[in-house]
Amino acid sequence: MMWYWGNSGVHWWGWFIGFVITVVFWAFFIYLIISIMRGYSGRDHVHDAHGLHDPEKVLARRFANGEIDEEEFHQRLDVLRSHDNRKS
């Protein structure tokens, strides 16, 4: 019994659907592998390496973004540095 139309075999749309399904499958598979690898990479260490938890860098970022003005930046920076000196 023939499951396709006519005697010419699979038509162009059959090849196209097969190609699309193959590309989607491999894209999902690669995405899954990358997601799993990111989960095991210890992302907290990456954030700490960039200084996202360093108060002075956070303050500098806020100043650069315009969230605080220069006077407030220097006041807060002085407070942070005075607390650091007390700990030492």
PDB file of N, CA and C in Angstrom:
ATOM      1  N   MET A   1       0.845  -1.174   0.000  1.00  0.00           N
ATOM      2  CA  MET A   1       0.000   0.000   0.000  1.00  0.00           C
ATOM      3  C   MET A   1       0.893   1.242   0.000  1.00  0.00           C
ATOM      4  N   MET A   2       0.513   2.235  -0.772  1.00  0.00           N
ATOM      5  CA  MET A   2       1.291   3.453  -0.856  1.00  0.00           C
ATOM      6  C   MET A   2       0.730   4.491   0.115  1.00  0.00           C
ATOM      7  N   TRP A   3       1.630   5.103   0.922  1.00  0.00           N
ATOM      8  CA  TRP A   3       1.220   6.100   1.909  1.00  0.00           C
ATOM      9  C   TRP A   3       1.479   7.523   1.413  1.00  0.00           C
ATOM     10  N   TYR A   4       1.915   7.667   0.225  1.00  0.00           N
ATOM     11  CA  TYR A   4       2.162   8.995  -0.334  1.00  0.00           C
ATOM     12  C   TYR A   4       1.322   9.161  -1.566  1.00  0.00           C
ATOM     13  N   TRP A   5       1.252  10.409  -2.043  1.00  0.00           N
ATOM     14  CA  TRP A   5       0.439  10.699  -3.209  1.00  0.00           C
ATOM     15  C   TRP A   5       1.237  10.454  -4.479  1.00  0.00           C
ATOM     16  N   GLY A   6       0.733   9.653  -5.313  1.00  0.00           N
ATOM     17  CA  GLY A   6       1.374   9.399  -6.587  1.00  0.00           C
ATOM     18  C   GLY A   6       2.556   8.451  -6.447  1.00  0.00           C
ATOM     19  N   ASN A   7       3.294   8.349  -7.517  1.00  0.00           N
ATOM     20  CA  ASN A   7       4.421   7.436  -7.557  1.00  0.00           C
ATOM     21  C   ASN A   7       5.770   8.144  -7.436  1.00  0.00           C
ATOM     22  N   SER A   8       5.777   9.432  -7.105  1.00  0.00           N
ATOM     23  CA  SER A   8       7.026  10.178  -7.114  1.00  0.00           C
ATOM     24  C   SER A   8       7.746  10.171  -5.759  1.00  0.00           C
ATOM     25  N   GLY A   9       7.258   9.490  -4.788  1.00  0.00           N
ATOM     26  CA  GLY A   9       7.908   9.447  -3.486  1.00  0.00           C
ATOM     27  C   GLY A   9       7.446  10.600  -2.599  1.00  0.00           C
ATOM     28  N   VAL A  10       8.271  10.950  -1.661  1.00  0.00           N
ATOM     29  CA  VAL A  10       7.931  12.025  -0.731  1.00  0.00           C
ATOM     30  C   VAL A  10       8.043  13.361  -1.454  1.00  0.00           C
ATOM     31  N   HIS A  11       7.035  14.185  -1.285  1.00  0.00           N
ATOM     32  CA  HIS A  11       7.026  15.489  -1.933  1.00  0.00           C
ATOM     33  C   HIS A  11       7.918  16.470  -1.188  1.00  0.00           C
ATOM     34  N   TRP A  12       8.083  17.676  -1.738  1.00  0.00           N
ATOM     35  CA  TRP A  12       8.966  18.696  -1.153  1.00  0.00           C
ATOM     36  C   TRP A  12       8.583  19.046   0.267  1.00  0.00           C
ATOM     37  N   TRP A  13       7.274  19.080   0.568  1.00  0.00           N
ATOM     38  CA  TRP A  13       6.855  19.465   1.914  1.00  0.00           C
ATOM     39  C   TRP A  13       7.241  18.405   2.928  1.00  0.00           C
ATOM     40  N   GLY A  14       7.318  17.162   2.521  1.00  0.00           N
ATOM     41  CA  GLY A  14       7.753  16.098   3.422  1.00  0.00           C
ATOM     42  C   GLY A  14       9.217  16.268   3.802  1.00  0.00           C
ATOM     43  N   TRP A  15      10.040  16.596   2.821  1.00  0.00           N
ATOM     44  CA  TRP A  15      11.460  16.845   3.099  1.00  0.00           C
ATOM     45  C   TRP A  15      11.616  18.093   3.971  1.00  0.00           C
ATOM     46  N   PHE A  16      10.830  19.120   3.684  1.00  0.00           N
ATOM     47  CA  PHE A  16      10.907  20.365   4.447  1.00  0.00           C
ATOM     48  C   PHE A  16      10.513  20.135   5.905  1.00  0.00           C
ATOM     49  N   ILE A  17       9.428  19.424   6.139  1.00  0.00           N
ATOM     50  CA  ILE A  17       8.994  19.136   7.516  1.00  0.00           C
ATOM     51  C   ILE A  17      10.045  18.313   8.250  1.00  0.00           C
ATOM     52  N   GLY A  18      10.620  17.340   7.576  1.00  0.00           N
ATOM     53  CA  GLY A  18      11.672  16.541   8.192  1.00  0.00           C
ATOM     54  C   GLY A  18      12.884  17.379   8.554  1.00  0.00           C
ATOM     55  N   PHE A  19      13.254  18.300   7.661  1.00  0.00           N
ATOM     56  CA  PHE A  19      14.383  19.189   7.930  1.00  0.00           C
ATOM     57  C   PHE A  19      14.099  20.089   9.124  1.00  0.00           C
ATOM     58  N   VAL A  20      12.920  20.680   9.186  1.00  0.00           N
ATOM     59  CA  VAL A  20      12.555  21.580  10.290  1.00  0.00           C
ATOM     60  C   VAL A  20      12.546  20.825  11.611  1.00  0.00           C
ATOM     61  N   ILE A  21      11.980  19.643  11.632  1.00  0.00           N
ATOM     62  CA  ILE A  21      11.936  18.854  12.861  1.00  0.00           C
ATOM     63  C   ILE A  21      13.353  18.501  13.317  1.00  0.00           C
ATOM     64  N   THR A  22      14.222  18.170  12.390  1.00  0.00           N
ATOM     65  CA  THR A  22      15.605  17.847  12.740  1.00  0.00           C
ATOM     66  C   THR A  22      16.322  19.054  13.340  1.00  0.00           C
ATOM     67  N   VAL A  23      16.164  20.224  12.728  1.00  0.00           N
ATOM     68  CA  VAL A  23      16.801  21.436  13.240  1.00  0.00           C
ATOM     69  C   VAL A  23      16.259  21.778  14.623  1.00  0.00           C
ATOM     70  N   VAL A  24      14.959  21.696  14.819  1.00  0.00           N
ATOM     71  CA  VAL A  24      14.359  21.995  16.124  1.00  0.00           C
ATOM     72  C   VAL A  24      14.859  21.012  17.175  1.00  0.00           C
ATOM     73  N   PHE A  25      14.946  19.747  16.827  1.00  0.00           N
ATOM     74  CA  PHE A  25      15.426  18.741  17.772  1.00  0.00           C
ATOM     75  C   PHE A  25      16.849  19.047  18.223  1.00  0.00           C
ATOM     76  N   TRP A  26      17.754  19.308  17.270  1.00  0.00           N
ATOM     77  CA  TRP A  26      19.143  19.560  17.634  1.00  0.00           C
ATOM     78  C   TRP A  26      19.310  20.884  18.377  1.00  0.00           C
ATOM     79  N   ALA A  27      18.526  21.895  18.030  1.00  0.00           N
ATOM     80  CA  ALA A  27      18.584  23.167  18.751  1.00  0.00           C
ATOM     81  C   ALA A  27      18.155  22.970  20.206  1.00  0.00           C
ATOM     82  N   PHE A  28      17.096  22.206  20.417  1.00  0.00           N
ATOM     83  CA  PHE A  28      16.641  21.931  21.777  1.00  0.00           C
ATOM     84  C   PHE A  28      17.673  21.109  22.539  1.00  0.00           C
ATOM     85  N   PHE A  29      18.262  20.143  21.881  1.00  0.00           N
ATOM     86  CA  PHE A  29      19.269  19.297  22.530  1.00  0.00           C
ATOM     87  C   PHE A  29      20.485  20.123  22.955  1.00  0.00           C
ATOM     88  N   ILE A  30      20.954  21.004  22.089  1.00  0.00           N
ATOM     89  CA  ILE A  30      22.101  21.863  22.423  1.00  0.00           C
ATOM     90  C   ILE A  30      21.732  22.826  23.535  1.00  0.00           C
ATOM     91  N   TYR A  31      20.536  23.400  23.488  1.00  0.00           N
ATOM     92  CA  TYR A  31      20.068  24.290  24.556  1.00  0.00           C
ATOM     93  C   TYR A  31      20.009  23.557  25.885  1.00  0.00           C
ATOM     94  N   LEU A  32      19.546  22.336  25.880  1.00  0.00           N
ATOM     95  CA  LEU A  32      19.462  21.535  27.098  1.00  0.00           C
ATOM     96  C   LEU A  32      20.847  21.268  27.677  1.00  0.00           C
ATOM     97  N   ILE A  33      21.799  20.911  26.852  1.00  0.00           N
ATOM     98  CA  ILE A  33      23.169  20.657  27.321  1.00  0.00           C
ATOM     99  C   ILE A  33      23.779  21.937  27.902  1.00  0.00           C
ATOM    100  N   ILE A  34      23.601  23.063  27.231  1.00  0.00           N
ATOM    101  CA  ILE A  34      24.145  24.332  27.730  1.00  0.00           C
ATOM    102  C   ILE A  34      23.490  24.704  29.058  1.00  0.00           C
ATOM    103  N   SER A  35      22.197  24.510  29.177  1.00  0.00           N
ATOM    104  CA  SER A  35      21.506  24.826  30.428  1.00  0.00           C
ATOM    105  C   SER A  35      22.005  23.962  31.577  1.00  0.00           C
ATOM    106  N   ILE A  36      22.223  22.705  31.317  1.00  0.00           N
ATOM    107  CA  ILE A  36      22.727  21.802  32.356  1.00  0.00           C
ATOM    108  C   ILE A  36      24.136  22.219  32.760  1.00  0.00           C
ATOM    109  N   MET A  37      24.980  22.548  31.795  1.00  0.00           N
ATOM    110  CA  MET A  37      26.346  22.956  32.111  1.00  0.00           C
ATOM    111  C   MET A  37      26.379  24.256  32.906  1.00  0.00           C
ATOM    112  N   ARG A  38      25.503  25.189  32.613  1.00  0.00           N
ATOM    113  CA  ARG A  38      25.438  26.436  33.374  1.00  0.00           C
ATOM    114  C   ARG A  38      24.988  26.176  34.801  1.00  0.00           C
ATOM    115  N   GLY A  39      24.132  25.218  34.990  1.00  0.00           N
ATOM    116  CA  GLY A  39      23.666  24.888  36.333  1.00  0.00           C
ATOM    117  C   GLY A  39      24.769  24.345  37.210  1.00  0.00           C
ATOM    118  N   TYR A  40      25.723  23.643  36.626  1.00  0.00           N
ATOM    119  CA  TYR A  40      26.815  23.051  37.392  1.00  0.00           C
ATOM    120  C   TYR A  40      28.047  23.954  37.482  1.00  0.00           C
ATOM    121  N   SER A  41      28.016  25.116  36.842  1.00  0.00           N
ATOM    122  CA  SER A  41      29.220  25.936  36.774  1.00  0.00           C
ATOM    123  C   SER A  41      29.453  26.785  38.009  1.00  0.00           C
ATOM    124  N   GLY A  42      28.514  26.862  38.931  1.00  0.00           N
ATOM    125  CA  GLY A  42      28.690  27.671  40.116  1.00  0.00           C
ATOM    126  C   GLY A  42      28.595  29.147  39.800  1.00  0.00           C
ATOM    127  N   ARG A  43      27.435  29.602  39.429  1.00  0.00           N
ATOM    128  CA  ARG A  43      27.245  30.973  38.975  1.00  0.00           C
ATOM    129  C   ARG A  43      27.545  32.004  40.058  1.00  0.00           C
ATOM    130  N   ASP A  44      27.428  31.668  41.338  1.00  0.00           N
ATOM    131  CA  ASP A  44      27.699  32.629  42.401  1.00  0.00           C
ATOM    132  C   ASP A  44      29.149  33.079  42.367  1.00  0.00           C
ATOM    133  N   HIS A  45      30.043  32.181  42.018  1.00  0.00           N
ATOM    134  CA  HIS A  45      31.455  32.544  41.933  1.00  0.00           C
ATOM    135  C   HIS A  45      31.694  33.540  40.815  1.00  0.00           C
ATOM    136  N   VAL A  46      30.956  33.423  39.735  1.00  0.00           N
ATOM    137  CA  VAL A  46      31.104  34.346  38.624  1.00  0.00           C
ATOM    138  C   VAL A  46      30.660  35.740  39.056  1.00  0.00           C
ATOM    139  N   HIS A  47      29.548  35.825  39.781  1.00  0.00           N
ATOM    140  CA  HIS A  47      29.061  37.125  40.230  1.00  0.00           C
ATOM    141  C   HIS A  47      30.049  37.775  41.193  1.00  0.00           C
ATOM    142  N   ASP A  48      30.612  37.005  42.093  1.00  0.00           N
ATOM    143  CA  ASP A  48      31.572  37.553  43.039  1.00  0.00           C
ATOM    144  C   ASP A  48      32.850  38.005  42.344  1.00  0.00           C
ATOM    145  N   ALA A  49      33.250  37.322  41.282  1.00  0.00           N
ATOM    146  CA  ALA A  49      34.456  37.689  40.553  1.00  0.00           C
ATOM    147  C   ALA A  49      34.298  39.048  39.883  1.00  0.00           C
ATOM    148  N   HIS A  50      33.070  39.397  39.500  1.00  0.00           N
ATOM    149  CA  HIS A  50      32.832  40.685  38.865  1.00  0.00           C
ATOM    150  C   HIS A  50      32.550  41.780  39.884  1.00  0.00           C
ATOM    151  N   GLY A  51      32.556  41.453  41.156  1.00  0.00           N
ATOM    152  CA  GLY A  51      32.371  42.456  42.196  1.00  0.00           C
ATOM    153  C   GLY A  51      30.956  42.951  42.357  1.00  0.00           C
ATOM    154  N   LEU A  52      29.976  42.136  42.037  1.00  0.00           N
ATOM    155  CA  LEU A  52      28.597  42.571  42.169  1.00  0.00           C
ATOM    156  C   LEU A  52      28.154  42.680  43.621  1.00  0.00           C
ATOM    157  N   HIS A  53      28.909  42.090  44.535  1.00  0.00           N
ATOM    158  CA  HIS A  53      28.567  42.171  45.948  1.00  0.00           C
ATOM    159  C   HIS A  53      29.487  43.130  46.684  1.00  0.00           C
ATOM    160  N   ASP A  54      30.386  43.793  45.986  1.00  0.00           N
ATOM    161  CA  ASP A  54      31.287  44.762  46.582  1.00  0.00           C
ATOM    162  C   ASP A  54      30.535  46.092  46.712  1.00  0.00           C
ATOM    163  N   PRO A  55      30.363  46.616  47.938  1.00  0.00           N
ATOM    164  CA  PRO A  55      29.552  47.825  48.126  1.00  0.00           C
ATOM    165  C   PRO A  55      30.071  49.042  47.360  1.00  0.00           C
ATOM    166  N   GLU A  56      31.383  49.190  47.274  1.00  0.00           N
ATOM    167  CA  GLU A  56      31.916  50.341  46.547  1.00  0.00           C
ATOM    168  C   GLU A  56      31.618  50.252  45.054  1.00  0.00           C
ATOM    169  N   LYS A  57      31.663  49.059  44.503  1.00  0.00           N
ATOM    170  CA  LYS A  57      31.358  48.899  43.079  1.00  0.00           C
ATOM    171  C   LYS A  57      29.874  49.099  42.802  1.00  0.00           C
ATOM    172  N   VAL A  58      29.040  48.658  43.734  1.00  0.00           N
ATOM    173  CA  VAL A  58      27.598  48.886  43.589  1.00  0.00           C
ATOM    174  C   VAL A  58      27.318  50.379  43.632  1.00  0.00           C
ATOM    175  N   LEU A  59      27.955  51.074  44.564  1.00  0.00           N
ATOM    176  CA  LEU A  59      27.783  52.517  44.678  1.00  0.00           C
ATOM    177  C   LEU A  59      28.274  53.224  43.414  1.00  0.00           C
ATOM    178  N   ALA A  60      29.415  52.810  42.891  1.00  0.00           N
ATOM    179  CA  ALA A  60      29.942  53.407  41.658  1.00  0.00           C
ATOM    180  C   ALA A  60      29.000  53.157  40.481  1.00  0.00           C
ATOM    181  N   ARG A  61      28.418  51.968  40.426  1.00  0.00           N
ATOM    182  CA  ARG A  61      27.467  51.657  39.344  1.00  0.00           C
ATOM    183  C   ARG A  61      26.228  52.545  39.450  1.00  0.00           C
ATOM    184  N   ARG A  62      25.727  52.752  40.681  1.00  0.00           N
ATOM    185  CA  ARG A  62      24.562  53.617  40.876  1.00  0.00           C
ATOM    186  C   ARG A  62      24.879  55.052  40.459  1.00  0.00           C
ATOM    187  N   PHE A  63      26.090  55.518  40.771  1.00  0.00           N
ATOM    188  CA  PHE A  63      26.499  56.859  40.377  1.00  0.00           C
ATOM    189  C   PHE A  63      26.604  56.963  38.858  1.00  0.00           C
ATOM    190  N   ALA A  64      27.165  55.945  38.239  1.00  0.00           N
ATOM    191  CA  ALA A  64      27.308  55.949  36.780  1.00  0.00           C
ATOM    192  C   ALA A  64      25.954  55.917  36.077  1.00  0.00           C
ATOM    193  N   ASN A  65      24.984  55.236  36.690  1.00  0.00           N
ATOM    194  CA  ASN A  65      23.646  55.160  36.098  1.00  0.00           C
ATOM    195  C   ASN A  65      22.818  56.411  36.356  1.00  0.00           C
ATOM    196  N   GLY A  66      23.340  57.319  37.198  1.00  0.00           N
ATOM    197  CA  GLY A  66      22.605  58.545  37.482  1.00  0.00           C
ATOM    198  C   GLY A  66      21.574  58.408  38.580  1.00  0.00           C
ATOM    199  N   GLU A  67      21.622  57.315  39.335  1.00  0.00           N
ATOM    200  CA  GLU A  67      20.666  57.115  40.417  1.00  0.00           C
ATOM    201  C   GLU A  67      20.969  58.030  41.602  1.00  0.00           C
ATOM    202  N   ILE A  68      22.239  58.373  41.794  1.00  0.00           N
ATOM    203  CA  ILE A  68      22.634  59.287  42.864  1.00  0.00           C
ATOM    204  C   ILE A  68      23.542  60.352  42.271  1.00  0.00           C
ATOM    205  N   ASP A  69      23.579  61.506  42.936  1.00  0.00           N
ATOM    206  CA  ASP A  69      24.444  62.577  42.440  1.00  0.00           C
ATOM    207  C   ASP A  69      25.842  62.461  43.047  1.00  0.00           C
ATOM    208  N   GLU A  70      26.738  63.354  42.621  1.00  0.00           N
ATOM    209  CA  GLU A  70      28.139  63.268  43.038  1.00  0.00           C
ATOM    210  C   GLU A  70      28.306  63.473  44.542  1.00  0.00           C
ATOM    211  N   GLU A  71      27.556  64.404  45.098  1.00  0.00           N
ATOM    212  CA  GLU A  71      27.660  64.674  46.540  1.00  0.00           C
ATOM    213  C   GLU A  71      27.249  63.451  47.361  1.00  0.00           C
ATOM    214  N   GLU A  72      26.134  62.855  46.981  1.00  0.00           N
ATOM    215  CA  GLU A  72      25.675  61.662  47.700  1.00  0.00           C
ATOM    216  C   GLU A  72      26.658  60.507  47.516  1.00  0.00           C
ATOM    217  N   PHE A  73      27.237  60.387  46.318  1.00  0.00           N
ATOM    218  CA  PHE A  73      28.215  59.340  46.063  1.00  0.00           C
ATOM    219  C   PHE A  73      29.406  59.467  47.012  1.00  0.00           C
ATOM    220  N   HIS A  74      29.946  60.684  47.132  1.00  0.00           N
ATOM    221  CA  HIS A  74      31.118  60.882  47.999  1.00  0.00           C
ATOM    222  C   HIS A  74      30.772  60.692  49.471  1.00  0.00           C
ATOM    223  N   GLN A  75      29.581  61.113  49.881  1.00  0.00           N
ATOM    224  CA  GLN A  75      29.165  60.925  51.271  1.00  0.00           C
ATOM    225  C   GLN A  75      29.077  59.441  51.606  1.00  0.00           C
ATOM    226  N   ARG A  76      28.422  58.701  50.752  1.00  0.00           N
ATOM    227  CA  ARG A  76      28.254  57.266  51.005  1.00  0.00           C
ATOM    228  C   ARG A  76      29.593  56.530  50.913  1.00  0.00           C
ATOM    229  N   LEU A  77      30.454  56.953  49.994  1.00  0.00           N
ATOM    230  CA  LEU A  77      31.760  56.337  49.861  1.00  0.00           C
ATOM    231  C   LEU A  77      32.588  56.566  51.128  1.00  0.00           C
ATOM    232  N   ASP A  78      32.514  57.782  51.679  1.00  0.00           N
ATOM    233  CA  ASP A  78      33.227  58.070  52.929  1.00  0.00           C
ATOM    234  C   ASP A  78      32.711  57.199  54.062  1.00  0.00           C
ATOM    235  N   VAL A  79      31.406  57.020  54.129  1.00  0.00           N
ATOM    236  CA  VAL A  79      30.820  56.173  55.177  1.00  0.00           C
ATOM    237  C   VAL A  79      31.292  54.729  55.019  1.00  0.00           C
ATOM    238  N   LEU A  80      31.288  54.226  53.796  1.00  0.00           N
ATOM    239  CA  LEU A  80      31.742  52.852  53.560  1.00  0.00           C
ATOM    240  C   LEU A  80      33.207  52.672  53.954  1.00  0.00           C
ATOM    241  N   ARG A  81      34.022  53.614  53.558  1.00  0.00           N
ATOM    242  CA  ARG A  81      35.448  53.499  53.864  1.00  0.00           C
ATOM    243  C   ARG A  81      35.730  53.669  55.346  1.00  0.00           C
ATOM    244  N   SER A  82      34.939  54.489  56.052  1.00  0.00           N
ATOM    245  CA  SER A  82      35.148  54.634  57.495  1.00  0.00           C
ATOM    246  C   SER A  82      34.767  53.353  58.232  1.00  0.00           C
ATOM    247  N   HIS A  83      33.750  52.644  57.737  1.00  0.00           N
ATOM    248  CA  HIS A  83      33.376  51.358  58.346  1.00  0.00           C
ATOM    249  C   HIS A  83      34.435  50.304  58.080  1.00  0.00           C
ATOM    250  N   ASP A  84      35.062  50.345  56.896  1.00  0.00           N
ATOM    251  CA  ASP A  84      36.122  49.395  56.579  1.00  0.00           C
ATOM    252  C   ASP A  84      37.340  49.610  57.474  1.00  0.00           C
ATOM    253  N   ASN A  85      37.653  50.856  57.777  1.00  0.00           N
ATOM    254  CA  ASN A  85      38.792  51.177  58.631  1.00  0.00           C
ATOM    255  C   ASN A  85      38.554  50.731  60.070  1.00  0.00           C
ATOM    256  N   ARG A  86      37.313  50.775  60.519  1.00  0.00           N
ATOM    257  CA  ARG A  86      36.995  50.325  61.884  1.00  0.00           C
ATOM    258  C   ARG A  86      37.129  48.822  62.033  1.00  0.00           C
ATOM    259  N   LYS A  87      36.860  48.078  60.965  1.00  0.00           N
ATOM    260  CA  LYS A  87      36.961  46.619  61.038  1.00  0.00           C
ATOM    261  C   LYS A  87      38.414  46.165  61.125  1.00  0.00           C
ATOM    262  N   SER A  88      39.318  46.923  60.545  1.00  0.00           N
ATOM    263  CA  SER A  88      40.733  46.516  60.493  1.00  0.00           C
ATOM    264  C   SER A  88      41.438  46.666  61.796  1.00  0.00           C
TER     265      SER A  88
END
